[in-house]
Amino acid sequence: MKNIAAVFYKQIKDTLKNKTVLIQFLMFPVMAVIMNHAVRIETMPENFFTELFAVMYIGMAPLVSGSAIVAEEKENGTLRALFMSGVKPFEYLFGVCGYLWIACMVGSLIIVLSGTYTTSQAGIFLIIMALGIIISLLMGACIGIISRSQMAATSISVPVMMIFSFLPMLAMFNKTIGIIAKYTYTQQLQALISGVVHGIIINAENLWVLGGNGIIILLLFILAYKKNGLD
């Protein structure tokens, strides 16, 4: 726990210095607050921007920041120095992912507060986001592990992020895209988040798509770790 805490606090200091990572945590929460208060259209569904930016946040912030941090520390030799000082790989991963998860949940709270939800609805909303953030964190860590540099990680994470972040939005306007998008975890999270106000009904499709995506990403993470390690 001491080593995990040390990695956790190190990431806090590094994030405050790294504006590229810091902006990932702030961009969509700020946009959700601004759009919800600046745009008023009569035919627009309630909490439209909150739901839209929530899913985009899940698909972008943890994935991009996770891959960037792991890849950058591999490239700079920081990981090797940490491991030589007694920090084990799993301790490093728990420290980094734990920090990113908490940081993303703070952003998620801001997004939820930008909408109009009861306390119980906000709690369910945050639980859904927490699940999605964990899946995206694993994907981001996987990309960071297989990448030799931060630039290489960015070249992989950006297209992956765009797919998972923007597919749910595009699916709203195109039925063909919707058929494809329903097999992604972000689309299923979009469906669950949209149902928060009306009462969530979890069906078989939600479960097997979310579970299937999670298992596939976890297996990819394990394979990437075994093949490339963190050093």
C-alpha atoms as a PDB file:
ATOM      1  CA  MET A   1       0.000   0.000   0.000  1.00  0.00           C
ATOM      2  CA  LYS A   2       2.910   2.340   0.705  1.00  0.00           C
ATOM      3  CA  ASN A   3       4.275   1.908  -2.824  1.00  0.00           C
ATOM      4  CA  ILE A   4       0.804   2.263  -4.371  1.00  0.00           C
ATOM      5  CA  ALA A   5       0.255   5.471  -2.393  1.00  0.00           C
ATOM      6  CA  ALA A   6       3.660   6.786  -3.519  1.00  0.00           C
ATOM      7  CA  VAL A   7       2.773   6.170  -7.183  1.00  0.00           C
ATOM      8  CA  PHE A   8      -0.650   7.740  -6.589  1.00  0.00           C
ATOM      9  CA  TYR A   9       0.807  10.976  -5.199  1.00  0.00           C
ATOM     10  CA  LYS A  10       3.464  11.037  -7.922  1.00  0.00           C
ATOM     11  CA  GLN A  11       0.731  11.005 -10.561  1.00  0.00           C
ATOM     12  CA  ILE A  12      -1.043  13.932  -8.894  1.00  0.00           C
ATOM     13  CA  LYS A  13       2.114  16.039  -9.111  1.00  0.00           C
ATOM     14  CA  ASP A  14       2.836  14.944 -12.680  1.00  0.00           C
ATOM     15  CA  THR A  15      -0.705  15.706 -13.849  1.00  0.00           C
ATOM     16  CA  LEU A  16      -0.558  19.253 -12.517  1.00  0.00           C
ATOM     17  CA  LYS A  17       2.539  19.749 -14.678  1.00  0.00           C
ATOM     18  CA  ASN A  18       1.214  17.892 -17.731  1.00  0.00           C
ATOM     19  CA  LYS A  19      -1.445  20.070 -19.360  1.00  0.00           C
ATOM     20  CA  THR A  20      -2.111  17.459 -22.072  1.00  0.00           C
ATOM     21  CA  VAL A  21      -3.335  14.969 -19.471  1.00  0.00           C
ATOM     22  CA  LEU A  22      -4.953  17.589 -17.235  1.00  0.00           C
ATOM     23  CA  ILE A  23      -7.184  18.898 -20.026  1.00  0.00           C
ATOM     24  CA  GLN A  24      -8.608  15.387 -20.542  1.00  0.00           C
ATOM     25  CA  PHE A  25     -10.169  15.550 -17.075  1.00  0.00           C
ATOM     26  CA  LEU A  26     -11.565  19.055 -17.509  1.00  0.00           C
ATOM     27  CA  MET A  27     -12.700  19.423 -21.120  1.00  0.00           C
ATOM     28  CA  PHE A  28     -15.987  17.501 -21.185  1.00  0.00           C
ATOM     29  CA  PRO A  29     -17.139  18.403 -17.647  1.00  0.00           C
ATOM     30  CA  VAL A  30     -16.646  22.100 -18.451  1.00  0.00           C
ATOM     31  CA  MET A  31     -18.375  21.699 -21.821  1.00  0.00           C
ATOM     32  CA  ALA A  32     -21.327  19.940 -20.168  1.00  0.00           C
ATOM     33  CA  VAL A  33     -21.792  22.800 -17.704  1.00  0.00           C
ATOM     34  CA  ILE A  34     -21.491  25.475 -20.410  1.00  0.00           C
ATOM     35  CA  MET A  35     -23.767  23.792 -22.957  1.00  0.00           C
ATOM     36  CA  ASN A  36     -26.461  22.952 -20.395  1.00  0.00           C
ATOM     37  CA  HIS A  37     -26.658  26.585 -19.324  1.00  0.00           C
ATOM     38  CA  ALA A  38     -25.985  28.300 -22.665  1.00  0.00           C
ATOM     39  CA  VAL A  39     -28.156  26.306 -25.089  1.00  0.00           C
ATOM     40  CA  ARG A  40     -31.924  26.077 -24.800  1.00  0.00           C
ATOM     41  CA  ILE A  41     -33.945  24.400 -27.584  1.00  0.00           C
ATOM     42  CA  GLU A  42     -37.586  23.528 -26.988  1.00  0.00           C
ATOM     43  CA  THR A  43     -37.478  20.160 -28.760  1.00  0.00           C
ATOM     44  CA  MET A  44     -34.230  19.080 -27.105  1.00  0.00           C
ATOM     45  CA  PRO A  45     -34.606  16.196 -24.603  1.00  0.00           C
ATOM     46  CA  GLU A  46     -33.870  16.995 -20.979  1.00  0.00           C
ATOM     47  CA  ASN A  47     -30.238  16.400 -19.968  1.00  0.00           C
ATOM     48  CA  PHE A  48     -29.260  15.890 -23.626  1.00  0.00           C
ATOM     49  CA  PHE A  49     -25.802  17.464 -23.260  1.00  0.00           C
ATOM     50  CA  THR A  50     -25.170  15.780 -19.918  1.00  0.00           C
ATOM     51  CA  GLU A  51     -25.769  12.343 -21.409  1.00  0.00           C
ATOM     52  CA  LEU A  52     -23.857  13.146 -24.600  1.00  0.00           C
ATOM     53  CA  PHE A  53     -20.732  14.451 -22.887  1.00  0.00           C
ATOM     54  CA  ALA A  54     -20.826  11.737 -20.220  1.00  0.00           C
ATOM     55  CA  VAL A  55     -20.370   8.981 -22.793  1.00  0.00           C
ATOM     56  CA  MET A  56     -17.765  10.960 -24.733  1.00  0.00           C
ATOM     57  CA  TYR A  57     -15.914  11.533 -21.456  1.00  0.00           C
ATOM     58  CA  ILE A  58     -15.917   7.798 -20.668  1.00  0.00           C
ATOM     59  CA  GLY A  59     -14.527   6.965 -24.108  1.00  0.00           C
ATOM     60  CA  MET A  60     -11.857   9.648 -24.090  1.00  0.00           C
ATOM     61  CA  ALA A  61     -10.462  10.808 -20.730  1.00  0.00           C
ATOM     62  CA  PRO A  62      -9.413   7.515 -19.064  1.00  0.00           C
ATOM     63  CA  LEU A  63      -8.288   5.925 -22.331  1.00  0.00           C
ATOM     64  CA  VAL A  64      -6.106   8.780 -23.584  1.00  0.00           C
ATOM     65  CA  SER A  65      -4.685   9.787 -20.202  1.00  0.00           C
ATOM     66  CA  GLY A  66      -3.943   6.176 -19.210  1.00  0.00           C
ATOM     67  CA  SER A  67      -2.103   5.369 -22.430  1.00  0.00           C
ATOM     68  CA  ALA A  68      -0.198   8.672 -22.336  1.00  0.00           C
ATOM     69  CA  ILE A  69       1.004   8.264 -18.746  1.00  0.00           C
ATOM     70  CA  VAL A  70       2.171   4.649 -19.080  1.00  0.00           C
ATOM     71  CA  ALA A  71       3.852   5.237 -22.454  1.00  0.00           C
ATOM     72  CA  GLU A  72       5.562   8.437 -21.313  1.00  0.00           C
ATOM     73  CA  GLU A  73       7.003   6.813 -18.209  1.00  0.00           C
ATOM     74  CA  LYS A  74       8.218   3.855 -20.257  1.00  0.00           C
ATOM     75  CA  GLU A  75       9.884   6.214 -22.728  1.00  0.00           C
ATOM     76  CA  ASN A  76      11.529   8.361 -20.042  1.00  0.00           C
ATOM     77  CA  GLY A  77      12.831   5.388 -18.074  1.00  0.00           C
ATOM     78  CA  THR A  78      10.762   6.345 -15.019  1.00  0.00           C
ATOM     79  CA  LEU A  79       9.263   2.867 -14.768  1.00  0.00           C
ATOM     80  CA  ARG A  80      12.659   1.216 -14.661  1.00  0.00           C
ATOM     81  CA  ALA A  81      13.720   3.574 -11.884  1.00  0.00           C
ATOM     82  CA  LEU A  82      10.542   2.843  -9.914  1.00  0.00           C
ATOM     83  CA  PHE A  83      10.970  -0.915 -10.247  1.00  0.00           C
ATOM     84  CA  MET A  84      14.630  -0.699  -9.213  1.00  0.00           C
ATOM     85  CA  SER A  85      13.526   1.169  -6.094  1.00  0.00           C
ATOM     86  CA  GLY A  86      11.221  -1.693  -5.106  1.00  0.00           C
ATOM     87  CA  VAL A  87       7.893  -0.776  -6.712  1.00  0.00           C
ATOM     88  CA  LYS A  88       6.297  -3.877  -8.238  1.00  0.00           C
ATOM     89  CA  PRO A  89       4.455  -3.709 -11.586  1.00  0.00           C
ATOM     90  CA  PHE A  90       1.029  -4.442 -10.080  1.00  0.00           C
ATOM     91  CA  GLU A  91       1.629  -1.743  -7.444  1.00  0.00           C
ATOM     92  CA  TYR A  92       2.399   0.734 -10.182  1.00  0.00           C
ATOM     93  CA  LEU A  93      -0.705  -0.225 -12.153  1.00  0.00           C
ATOM     94  CA  PHE A  94      -2.953   0.026  -9.086  1.00  0.00           C
ATOM     95  CA  GLY A  95      -1.462   3.403  -8.219  1.00  0.00           C
ATOM     96  CA  VAL A  96      -1.872   4.847 -11.721  1.00  0.00           C
ATOM     97  CA  CYS A  97      -5.286   3.337 -12.472  1.00  0.00           C
ATOM     98  CA  GLY A  98      -6.576   4.184  -9.000  1.00  0.00           C
ATOM     99  CA  TYR A  99      -5.535   7.794  -9.396  1.00  0.00           C
ATOM    100  CA  LEU A 100      -6.996   8.079 -12.901  1.00  0.00           C
ATOM    101  CA  TRP A 101     -10.249   6.453 -11.792  1.00  0.00           C
ATOM    102  CA  ILE A 102     -10.707   8.928  -8.945  1.00  0.00           C
ATOM    103  CA  ALA A 103      -9.773  11.871 -11.179  1.00  0.00           C
ATOM    104  CA  CYS A 104     -12.276  10.730 -13.811  1.00  0.00           C
ATOM    105  CA  MET A 105     -14.975  10.228 -11.184  1.00  0.00           C
ATOM    106  CA  VAL A 106     -14.509  13.834 -10.041  1.00  0.00           C
ATOM    107  CA  GLY A 107     -15.108  14.901 -13.639  1.00  0.00           C
ATOM    108  CA  SER A 108     -18.094  12.546 -13.791  1.00  0.00           C
ATOM    109  CA  LEU A 109     -19.584  14.200 -10.707  1.00  0.00           C
ATOM    110  CA  ILE A 110     -19.326  17.611 -12.367  1.00  0.00           C
ATOM    111  CA  ILE A 111     -21.069  16.240 -15.470  1.00  0.00           C
ATOM    112  CA  VAL A 112     -23.880  14.739 -13.387  1.00  0.00           C
ATOM    113  CA  LEU A 113     -24.354  17.971 -11.434  1.00  0.00           C
ATOM    114  CA  SER A 114     -24.707  19.849 -14.723  1.00  0.00           C
ATOM    115  CA  GLY A 115     -27.947  17.945 -15.345  1.00  0.00           C
ATOM    116  CA  THR A 116     -31.218  17.719 -13.457  1.00  0.00           C
ATOM    117  CA  TYR A 117     -31.229  14.466 -11.511  1.00  0.00           C
ATOM    118  CA  THR A 118     -32.503  13.355  -8.143  1.00  0.00           C
ATOM    119  CA  THR A 119     -29.970  12.045  -5.622  1.00  0.00           C
ATOM    120  CA  SER A 120     -30.773   8.414  -6.419  1.00  0.00           C
ATOM    121  CA  GLN A 121     -30.626   9.045 -10.163  1.00  0.00           C
ATOM    122  CA  ALA A 122     -27.269  10.798  -9.812  1.00  0.00           C
ATOM    123  CA  GLY A 123     -25.944   7.823  -7.834  1.00  0.00           C
ATOM    124  CA  ILE A 124     -27.002   5.356 -10.534  1.00  0.00           C
ATOM    125  CA  PHE A 125     -25.543   7.653 -13.189  1.00  0.00           C
ATOM    126  CA  LEU A 126     -22.166   7.670 -11.393  1.00  0.00           C
ATOM    127  CA  ILE A 127     -22.161   3.878 -10.993  1.00  0.00           C
ATOM    128  CA  ILE A 128     -22.666   3.461 -14.741  1.00  0.00           C
ATOM    129  CA  MET A 129     -19.871   5.928 -15.460  1.00  0.00           C
ATOM    130  CA  ALA A 130     -17.568   4.204 -12.959  1.00  0.00           C
ATOM    131  CA  LEU A 131     -17.991   0.901 -14.813  1.00  0.00           C
ATOM    132  CA  GLY A 132     -17.263   2.494 -18.182  1.00  0.00           C
ATOM    133  CA  ILE A 133     -14.201   4.306 -16.841  1.00  0.00           C
ATOM    134  CA  ILE A 134     -12.710   1.024 -15.586  1.00  0.00           C
ATOM    135  CA  ILE A 135     -13.072  -0.556 -19.044  1.00  0.00           C
ATOM    136  CA  SER A 136     -11.541   2.490 -20.750  1.00  0.00           C
ATOM    137  CA  LEU A 137      -8.677   2.569 -18.224  1.00  0.00           C
ATOM    138  CA  LEU A 138      -7.772  -1.026 -19.029  1.00  0.00           C
ATOM    139  CA  MET A 139      -7.804  -0.206 -22.733  1.00  0.00           C
ATOM    140  CA  GLY A 140      -5.635   2.866 -22.185  1.00  0.00           C
ATOM    141  CA  ALA A 141      -3.145   0.926 -20.060  1.00  0.00           C
ATOM    142  CA  CYS A 142      -3.021  -1.787 -22.727  1.00  0.00           C
ATOM    143  CA  ILE A 143      -2.157   0.784 -25.404  1.00  0.00           C
ATOM    144  CA  GLY A 144       0.468   2.352 -23.145  1.00  0.00           C
ATOM    145  CA  ILE A 145       2.102  -1.018 -22.500  1.00  0.00           C
ATOM    146  CA  ILE A 146       2.443  -1.982 -26.161  1.00  0.00           C
ATOM    147  CA  SER A 147       3.695   1.474 -27.202  1.00  0.00           C
ATOM    148  CA  ARG A 148       7.395   2.302 -27.224  1.00  0.00           C
ATOM    149  CA  SER A 149       6.845   6.040 -26.855  1.00  0.00           C
ATOM    150  CA  GLN A 150       4.168   8.574 -25.999  1.00  0.00           C
ATOM    151  CA  MET A 151       3.909   9.554 -29.667  1.00  0.00           C
ATOM    152  CA  ALA A 152       3.291   5.934 -30.630  1.00  0.00           C
ATOM    153  CA  ALA A 153       0.652   5.657 -27.898  1.00  0.00           C
ATOM    154  CA  THR A 154      -1.087   8.777 -29.195  1.00  0.00           C
ATOM    155  CA  SER A 155      -1.177   7.419 -32.749  1.00  0.00           C
ATOM    156  CA  ILE A 156      -3.045   4.368 -31.454  1.00  0.00           C
ATOM    157  CA  SER A 157      -5.202   5.903 -28.712  1.00  0.00           C
ATOM    158  CA  VAL A 158      -6.622   8.768 -30.806  1.00  0.00           C
ATOM    159  CA  PRO A 159      -8.404   6.616 -33.439  1.00  0.00           C
ATOM    160  CA  VAL A 160      -9.526   4.126 -30.766  1.00  0.00           C
ATOM    161  CA  MET A 161     -10.825   6.995 -28.636  1.00  0.00           C
ATOM    162  CA  MET A 162     -12.681   8.532 -31.565  1.00  0.00           C
ATOM    163  CA  ILE A 163     -14.436   5.251 -32.302  1.00  0.00           C
ATOM    164  CA  PHE A 164     -15.665   4.665 -28.766  1.00  0.00           C
ATOM    165  CA  SER A 165     -16.378   8.334 -27.977  1.00  0.00           C
ATOM    166  CA  PHE A 166     -18.227   9.390 -31.109  1.00  0.00           C
ATOM    167  CA  LEU A 167     -20.032   6.217 -32.234  1.00  0.00           C
ATOM    168  CA  PRO A 168     -22.859   6.652 -29.689  1.00  0.00           C
ATOM    169  CA  MET A 169     -23.448  10.224 -30.878  1.00  0.00           C
ATOM    170  CA  LEU A 170     -23.375   9.255 -34.563  1.00  0.00           C
ATOM    171  CA  ALA A 171     -25.723   6.356 -33.838  1.00  0.00           C
ATOM    172  CA  MET A 172     -28.384   8.880 -32.803  1.00  0.00           C
ATOM    173  CA  PHE A 173     -28.539  10.200 -36.365  1.00  0.00           C
ATOM    174  CA  ASN A 174     -27.744   7.132 -38.475  1.00  0.00           C
ATOM    175  CA  LYS A 175     -29.449   3.759 -38.107  1.00  0.00           C
ATOM    176  CA  THR A 176     -26.699   1.902 -39.979  1.00  0.00           C
ATOM    177  CA  ILE A 177     -24.056   3.228 -37.610  1.00  0.00           C
ATOM    178  CA  GLY A 178     -26.383   2.358 -34.744  1.00  0.00           C
ATOM    179  CA  ILE A 179     -26.390  -1.303 -35.791  1.00  0.00           C
ATOM    180  CA  ILE A 180     -22.594  -1.355 -35.554  1.00  0.00           C
ATOM    181  CA  ALA A 181     -22.369   0.829 -32.442  1.00  0.00           C
ATOM    182  CA  LYS A 182     -24.602  -1.425 -30.349  1.00  0.00           C
ATOM    183  CA  TYR A 183     -21.729  -3.891 -30.072  1.00  0.00           C
ATOM    184  CA  THR A 184     -19.521  -1.350 -28.270  1.00  0.00           C
ATOM    185  CA  TYR A 185     -19.553  -0.786 -24.526  1.00  0.00           C
ATOM    186  CA  THR A 186     -19.956   2.973 -24.879  1.00  0.00           C
ATOM    187  CA  GLN A 187     -23.186   2.560 -26.857  1.00  0.00           C
ATOM    188  CA  GLN A 188     -24.610   0.289 -24.175  1.00  0.00           C
ATOM    189  CA  LEU A 189     -23.564   2.760 -21.498  1.00  0.00           C
ATOM    190  CA  GLN A 190     -25.322   5.467 -23.514  1.00  0.00           C
ATOM    191  CA  ALA A 191     -28.515   3.401 -23.429  1.00  0.00           C
ATOM    192  CA  LEU A 192     -28.235   2.866 -19.671  1.00  0.00           C
ATOM    193  CA  ILE A 193     -27.458   6.526 -18.969  1.00  0.00           C
ATOM    194  CA  SER A 194     -30.401   7.639 -21.117  1.00  0.00           C
ATOM    195  CA  GLY A 195     -32.661   5.422 -19.044  1.00  0.00           C
ATOM    196  CA  VAL A 196     -31.614   6.838 -15.676  1.00  0.00           C
ATOM    197  CA  VAL A 197     -34.474   9.347 -15.545  1.00  0.00           C
ATOM    198  CA  HIS A 198     -37.112   6.882 -16.753  1.00  0.00           C
ATOM    199  CA  GLY A 199     -35.915   3.917 -14.734  1.00  0.00           C
ATOM    200  CA  ILE A 200     -33.155   1.665 -16.025  1.00  0.00           C
ATOM    201  CA  ILE A 201     -34.145  -1.648 -17.526  1.00  0.00           C
ATOM    202  CA  ILE A 202     -31.056  -3.807 -17.936  1.00  0.00           C
ATOM    203  CA  ASN A 203     -31.577  -6.354 -20.697  1.00  0.00           C
ATOM    204  CA  ALA A 204     -29.568  -9.259 -22.041  1.00  0.00           C
ATOM    205  CA  GLU A 205     -27.960  -7.131 -24.745  1.00  0.00           C
ATOM    206  CA  ASN A 206     -26.591  -4.660 -22.191  1.00  0.00           C
ATOM    207  CA  LEU A 207     -25.091  -7.489 -20.156  1.00  0.00           C
ATOM    208  CA  TRP A 208     -23.465  -9.516 -22.901  1.00  0.00           C
ATOM    209  CA  VAL A 209     -22.074  -6.524 -24.800  1.00  0.00           C
ATOM    210  CA  LEU A 210     -20.652  -4.867 -21.682  1.00  0.00           C
ATOM    211  CA  GLY A 211     -19.393  -8.191 -20.338  1.00  0.00           C
ATOM    212  CA  GLY A 212     -17.986  -9.237 -23.701  1.00  0.00           C
ATOM    213  CA  ASN A 213     -16.208  -5.914 -24.265  1.00  0.00           C
ATOM    214  CA  GLY A 214     -14.807  -6.007 -20.733  1.00  0.00           C
ATOM    215  CA  ILE A 215     -13.510  -9.577 -21.058  1.00  0.00           C
ATOM    216  CA  ILE A 216     -11.935  -8.925 -24.466  1.00  0.00           C
ATOM    217  CA  ILE A 217     -10.176  -5.774 -23.236  1.00  0.00           C
ATOM    218  CA  LEU A 218      -9.010  -7.564 -20.065  1.00  0.00           C
ATOM    219  CA  LEU A 219      -7.567 -10.434 -22.114  1.00  0.00           C
ATOM    220  CA  LEU A 220      -5.823  -7.979 -24.444  1.00  0.00           C
ATOM    221  CA  PHE A 221      -4.385  -6.223 -21.402  1.00  0.00           C
ATOM    222  CA  ILE A 222      -3.070  -9.487 -19.932  1.00  0.00           C
ATOM    223  CA  LEU A 223      -1.513 -10.527 -23.255  1.00  0.00           C
ATOM    224  CA  ALA A 224       0.058  -7.095 -23.763  1.00  0.00           C
ATOM    225  CA  TYR A 225       1.457  -7.152 -20.249  1.00  0.00           C
ATOM    226  CA  LYS A 226       2.943 -10.638 -20.637  1.00  0.00           C
ATOM    227  CA  LYS A 227       4.471  -9.795 -24.009  1.00  0.00           C
ATOM    228  CA  ASN A 228       5.737  -6.299 -23.348  1.00  0.00           C
ATOM    229  CA  GLY A 229       5.780  -5.841 -19.578  1.00  0.00           C
ATOM    230  CA  LEU A 230       6.056  -2.360 -18.158  1.00  0.00           C
ATOM    231  CA  ASP A 231       9.780  -1.918 -18.448  1.00  0.00           C
END
